[in-house]
N, C-alpha and C. Protein backbone atom coordinates (compact mmCIF):
# COMPACT_ATOMS: atom_id res chain seq x y z
N MET A 1 -38.69 19.59 -4.26
CA MET A 1 -38.45 20.68 -3.34
C MET A 1 -37.46 21.66 -3.95
N SER A 2 -37.46 22.84 -3.42
CA SER A 2 -36.54 23.87 -3.90
C SER A 2 -35.10 23.44 -3.66
N LYS A 3 -34.32 23.44 -4.70
CA LYS A 3 -32.92 23.02 -4.59
C LYS A 3 -32.10 23.97 -3.73
N ILE A 4 -32.53 25.21 -3.64
CA ILE A 4 -31.79 26.19 -2.85
C ILE A 4 -31.81 25.86 -1.36
N LEU A 5 -32.79 25.10 -0.92
CA LEU A 5 -32.87 24.72 0.50
C LEU A 5 -31.72 23.81 0.92
N PHE A 6 -31.22 23.04 -0.02
CA PHE A 6 -30.22 22.03 0.30
C PHE A 6 -28.93 22.27 -0.47
N TRP A 7 -28.45 23.48 -0.38
CA TRP A 7 -27.23 23.87 -1.06
C TRP A 7 -26.00 23.14 -0.52
N ASP A 8 -26.06 22.66 0.71
CA ASP A 8 -24.89 22.08 1.36
C ASP A 8 -24.80 20.56 1.23
N ILE A 9 -25.77 19.94 0.59
CA ILE A 9 -25.74 18.49 0.40
C ILE A 9 -26.01 18.14 -1.05
N ASP A 10 -25.65 16.95 -1.44
CA ASP A 10 -25.94 16.46 -2.79
C ASP A 10 -27.38 15.97 -2.81
N VAL A 11 -28.23 16.71 -3.47
CA VAL A 11 -29.67 16.43 -3.48
C VAL A 11 -29.97 15.06 -4.08
N GLU A 12 -29.17 14.66 -5.05
CA GLU A 12 -29.39 13.37 -5.69
C GLU A 12 -29.19 12.20 -4.72
N GLU A 13 -28.34 12.38 -3.73
CA GLU A 13 -28.06 11.32 -2.77
C GLU A 13 -28.73 11.53 -1.42
N ALA A 14 -29.48 12.60 -1.29
CA ALA A 14 -30.16 12.90 -0.03
C ALA A 14 -31.26 11.87 0.23
N ASP A 15 -31.34 11.42 1.46
CA ASP A 15 -32.31 10.40 1.83
C ASP A 15 -33.31 10.99 2.83
N MET A 16 -34.52 11.26 2.38
CA MET A 16 -35.53 11.87 3.24
C MET A 16 -36.00 10.93 4.35
N ASP A 17 -35.82 9.63 4.15
CA ASP A 17 -36.23 8.68 5.18
C ASP A 17 -35.16 8.54 6.26
N LYS A 18 -33.91 8.75 5.90
CA LYS A 18 -32.82 8.58 6.85
C LYS A 18 -32.63 9.81 7.74
N TYR A 19 -32.86 11.00 7.18
CA TYR A 19 -32.66 12.26 7.91
C TYR A 19 -33.89 13.15 7.85
N PRO A 20 -35.01 12.72 8.40
CA PRO A 20 -36.23 13.53 8.28
C PRO A 20 -36.14 14.87 9.00
N ALA A 21 -35.46 14.93 10.13
CA ALA A 21 -35.39 16.18 10.88
C ALA A 21 -34.70 17.27 10.08
N HIS A 22 -33.67 16.90 9.35
CA HIS A 22 -32.93 17.87 8.53
C HIS A 22 -33.84 18.47 7.47
N PHE A 23 -34.58 17.65 6.78
CA PHE A 23 -35.47 18.12 5.73
C PHE A 23 -36.62 18.95 6.32
N ILE A 24 -37.18 18.49 7.40
CA ILE A 24 -38.31 19.19 8.02
C ILE A 24 -37.90 20.57 8.49
N GLN A 25 -36.78 20.67 9.17
CA GLN A 25 -36.34 21.96 9.68
C GLN A 25 -36.03 22.94 8.55
N ARG A 26 -35.35 22.47 7.52
CA ARG A 26 -35.03 23.36 6.39
C ARG A 26 -36.29 23.88 5.71
N VAL A 27 -37.24 23.01 5.48
CA VAL A 27 -38.47 23.43 4.80
C VAL A 27 -39.26 24.39 5.68
N LEU A 28 -39.36 24.10 6.95
CA LEU A 28 -40.11 24.99 7.84
C LEU A 28 -39.48 26.38 7.91
N GLU A 29 -38.17 26.44 8.02
CA GLU A 29 -37.51 27.72 8.23
C GLU A 29 -37.27 28.50 6.94
N TYR A 30 -37.07 27.81 5.82
CA TYR A 30 -36.67 28.51 4.61
C TYR A 30 -37.48 28.16 3.36
N GLY A 31 -38.35 27.20 3.46
CA GLY A 31 -39.06 26.72 2.28
C GLY A 31 -40.26 27.55 1.88
N THR A 32 -40.77 27.23 0.71
CA THR A 32 -41.97 27.87 0.19
C THR A 32 -43.19 27.04 0.60
N MET A 33 -44.36 27.56 0.32
CA MET A 33 -45.58 26.80 0.62
C MET A 33 -45.64 25.52 -0.20
N ASP A 34 -45.13 25.55 -1.42
CA ASP A 34 -45.10 24.33 -2.23
C ASP A 34 -44.18 23.29 -1.59
N ASP A 35 -43.05 23.74 -1.04
CA ASP A 35 -42.15 22.82 -0.33
C ASP A 35 -42.87 22.22 0.89
N TRP A 36 -43.60 23.06 1.61
CA TRP A 36 -44.32 22.60 2.79
C TRP A 36 -45.38 21.56 2.41
N ARG A 37 -46.13 21.82 1.35
CA ARG A 37 -47.16 20.88 0.92
C ARG A 37 -46.55 19.53 0.53
N LEU A 38 -45.43 19.57 -0.16
CA LEU A 38 -44.74 18.35 -0.55
C LEU A 38 -44.25 17.59 0.68
N LEU A 39 -43.67 18.32 1.63
CA LEU A 39 -43.17 17.71 2.86
C LEU A 39 -44.31 17.08 3.66
N ARG A 40 -45.40 17.80 3.76
CA ARG A 40 -46.55 17.29 4.53
C ARG A 40 -47.17 16.07 3.86
N SER A 41 -47.20 16.05 2.56
CA SER A 41 -47.75 14.87 1.89
C SER A 41 -46.81 13.67 2.00
N TYR A 42 -45.52 13.92 2.09
CA TYR A 42 -44.54 12.84 2.19
C TYR A 42 -44.51 12.23 3.60
N TYR A 43 -44.39 13.08 4.61
CA TYR A 43 -44.26 12.59 5.99
C TYR A 43 -45.59 12.48 6.74
N GLY A 44 -46.50 13.40 6.49
CA GLY A 44 -47.73 13.49 7.27
C GLY A 44 -47.49 14.37 8.49
N LEU A 45 -48.52 15.05 8.93
CA LEU A 45 -48.39 15.99 10.05
C LEU A 45 -47.92 15.34 11.35
N PRO A 46 -48.42 14.17 11.73
CA PRO A 46 -47.94 13.57 12.99
C PRO A 46 -46.43 13.32 13.00
N LYS A 47 -45.87 12.85 11.90
CA LYS A 47 -44.43 12.61 11.82
C LYS A 47 -43.65 13.92 11.90
N ILE A 48 -44.14 14.95 11.23
CA ILE A 48 -43.49 16.25 11.26
C ILE A 48 -43.47 16.80 12.68
N VAL A 49 -44.59 16.71 13.37
CA VAL A 49 -44.67 17.22 14.74
C VAL A 49 -43.72 16.44 15.65
N GLU A 50 -43.69 15.13 15.53
CA GLU A 50 -42.79 14.33 16.38
C GLU A 50 -41.32 14.67 16.13
N GLU A 51 -40.95 14.88 14.88
CA GLU A 51 -39.57 15.27 14.57
C GLU A 51 -39.27 16.66 15.11
N CYS A 52 -40.22 17.58 14.99
CA CYS A 52 -40.01 18.93 15.50
C CYS A 52 -39.87 18.95 17.02
N LYS A 53 -40.56 18.07 17.69
CA LYS A 53 -40.46 18.01 19.15
C LYS A 53 -39.05 17.67 19.61
N GLN A 54 -38.28 17.02 18.77
CA GLN A 54 -36.93 16.61 19.13
C GLN A 54 -35.86 17.60 18.69
N LEU A 55 -36.22 18.60 17.88
CA LEU A 55 -35.23 19.56 17.39
C LEU A 55 -34.70 20.43 18.52
N ARG A 56 -33.41 20.65 18.50
CA ARG A 56 -32.79 21.48 19.53
C ARG A 56 -33.04 22.96 19.27
N THR A 57 -33.10 23.34 18.02
CA THR A 57 -33.40 24.72 17.66
C THR A 57 -34.48 24.73 16.58
N LEU A 58 -35.33 25.74 16.65
CA LEU A 58 -36.35 25.95 15.64
C LEU A 58 -36.78 27.41 15.76
N ASP A 59 -36.89 28.05 14.64
CA ASP A 59 -37.30 29.45 14.61
C ASP A 59 -38.61 29.62 15.38
N PRO A 60 -38.73 30.66 16.21
CA PRO A 60 -39.96 30.85 17.00
C PRO A 60 -41.24 30.94 16.15
N VAL A 61 -41.15 31.52 14.97
CA VAL A 61 -42.33 31.61 14.11
C VAL A 61 -42.72 30.21 13.63
N CYS A 62 -41.73 29.40 13.28
CA CYS A 62 -42.00 28.03 12.85
C CYS A 62 -42.59 27.20 13.98
N LEU A 63 -42.08 27.40 15.18
CA LEU A 63 -42.62 26.69 16.34
C LEU A 63 -44.08 27.08 16.56
N SER A 64 -44.39 28.35 16.46
CA SER A 64 -45.78 28.80 16.62
C SER A 64 -46.68 28.21 15.55
N TYR A 65 -46.17 28.14 14.34
CA TYR A 65 -46.96 27.56 13.23
C TYR A 65 -47.26 26.09 13.48
N ILE A 66 -46.24 25.33 13.85
CA ILE A 66 -46.43 23.90 14.12
C ILE A 66 -47.40 23.70 15.28
N CYS A 67 -47.26 24.51 16.32
CA CYS A 67 -48.18 24.40 17.46
C CYS A 67 -49.61 24.71 17.05
N ALA A 68 -49.78 25.72 16.22
CA ALA A 68 -51.12 26.12 15.80
C ALA A 68 -51.80 25.06 14.94
N ILE A 69 -51.08 24.49 13.99
CA ILE A 69 -51.73 23.53 13.09
C ILE A 69 -51.86 22.14 13.70
N SER A 70 -51.08 21.86 14.75
CA SER A 70 -51.15 20.53 15.36
C SER A 70 -51.83 20.54 16.72
N HIS A 71 -52.23 21.72 17.19
CA HIS A 71 -52.90 21.86 18.48
C HIS A 71 -52.05 21.29 19.62
N THR A 72 -50.76 21.64 19.59
CA THR A 72 -49.84 21.24 20.65
C THR A 72 -49.34 22.49 21.37
N LYS A 73 -48.74 22.28 22.53
CA LYS A 73 -48.21 23.39 23.32
C LYS A 73 -46.72 23.55 23.04
N PRO A 74 -46.20 24.77 23.07
CA PRO A 74 -44.76 24.97 22.86
C PRO A 74 -43.92 24.22 23.89
N GLU A 75 -44.47 24.03 25.07
CA GLU A 75 -43.74 23.33 26.13
C GLU A 75 -43.45 21.87 25.79
N ASP A 76 -44.14 21.34 24.80
CA ASP A 76 -43.93 19.95 24.38
C ASP A 76 -42.69 19.80 23.49
N PHE A 77 -42.08 20.91 23.12
CA PHE A 77 -40.98 20.89 22.18
C PHE A 77 -39.65 21.16 22.87
N ARG A 78 -38.64 20.40 22.50
CA ARG A 78 -37.30 20.54 23.08
C ARG A 78 -36.72 21.94 22.81
N CYS A 79 -36.94 22.47 21.63
CA CYS A 79 -36.37 23.77 21.28
C CYS A 79 -36.92 24.88 22.18
N TYR A 80 -38.14 24.74 22.65
CA TYR A 80 -38.73 25.73 23.54
C TYR A 80 -37.97 25.76 24.87
N HIS A 81 -37.68 24.62 25.42
CA HIS A 81 -36.97 24.55 26.69
C HIS A 81 -35.51 24.94 26.54
N PHE A 82 -34.90 24.57 25.44
CA PHE A 82 -33.51 24.92 25.20
C PHE A 82 -33.36 26.44 25.08
N ARG A 83 -34.29 27.06 24.39
CA ARG A 83 -34.24 28.52 24.23
C ARG A 83 -34.45 29.21 25.57
N GLN A 84 -35.32 28.70 26.40
CA GLN A 84 -35.59 29.29 27.70
C GLN A 84 -34.39 29.20 28.63
N SER A 85 -33.63 28.12 28.50
CA SER A 85 -32.47 27.92 29.38
C SER A 85 -31.22 28.64 28.89
N ASN A 86 -31.24 29.14 27.64
CA ASN A 86 -30.10 29.84 27.07
C ASN A 86 -30.51 31.17 26.45
N PRO A 87 -31.01 32.12 27.26
CA PRO A 87 -31.43 33.40 26.68
C PRO A 87 -30.23 34.20 26.21
N THR A 88 -30.44 34.95 25.15
CA THR A 88 -29.37 35.82 24.67
C THR A 88 -29.51 37.19 25.31
N PRO A 89 -28.41 37.79 25.75
CA PRO A 89 -28.51 39.07 26.46
C PRO A 89 -29.08 40.20 25.62
N TRP A 90 -28.89 40.17 24.30
CA TRP A 90 -29.39 41.27 23.47
C TRP A 90 -30.86 41.12 23.13
N ASN A 91 -31.49 40.01 23.47
CA ASN A 91 -32.92 39.84 23.21
C ASN A 91 -33.75 39.89 24.48
N SER A 92 -33.18 40.35 25.56
CA SER A 92 -33.89 40.38 26.84
C SER A 92 -34.91 41.48 26.90
């Protein structure tokens, strides 16, 4: 994966099995298509979707992408409800 995605952690000691949500969110929001393909081959789409459902925040474009490729509804995701309950006044 692109090393620039994980500038804040030691990549050599990073454990993709221990912190899957961290890796999934970073790749979805900032990664390249090659990063996405690697992530999808490592975790599989069902695991990625389940981890995304638990994320408190996720970029709206990333949420739409995950919903489209997994045939799920945005309402199934925690980040969708969290965003709805905390609207920002400048985005109204």
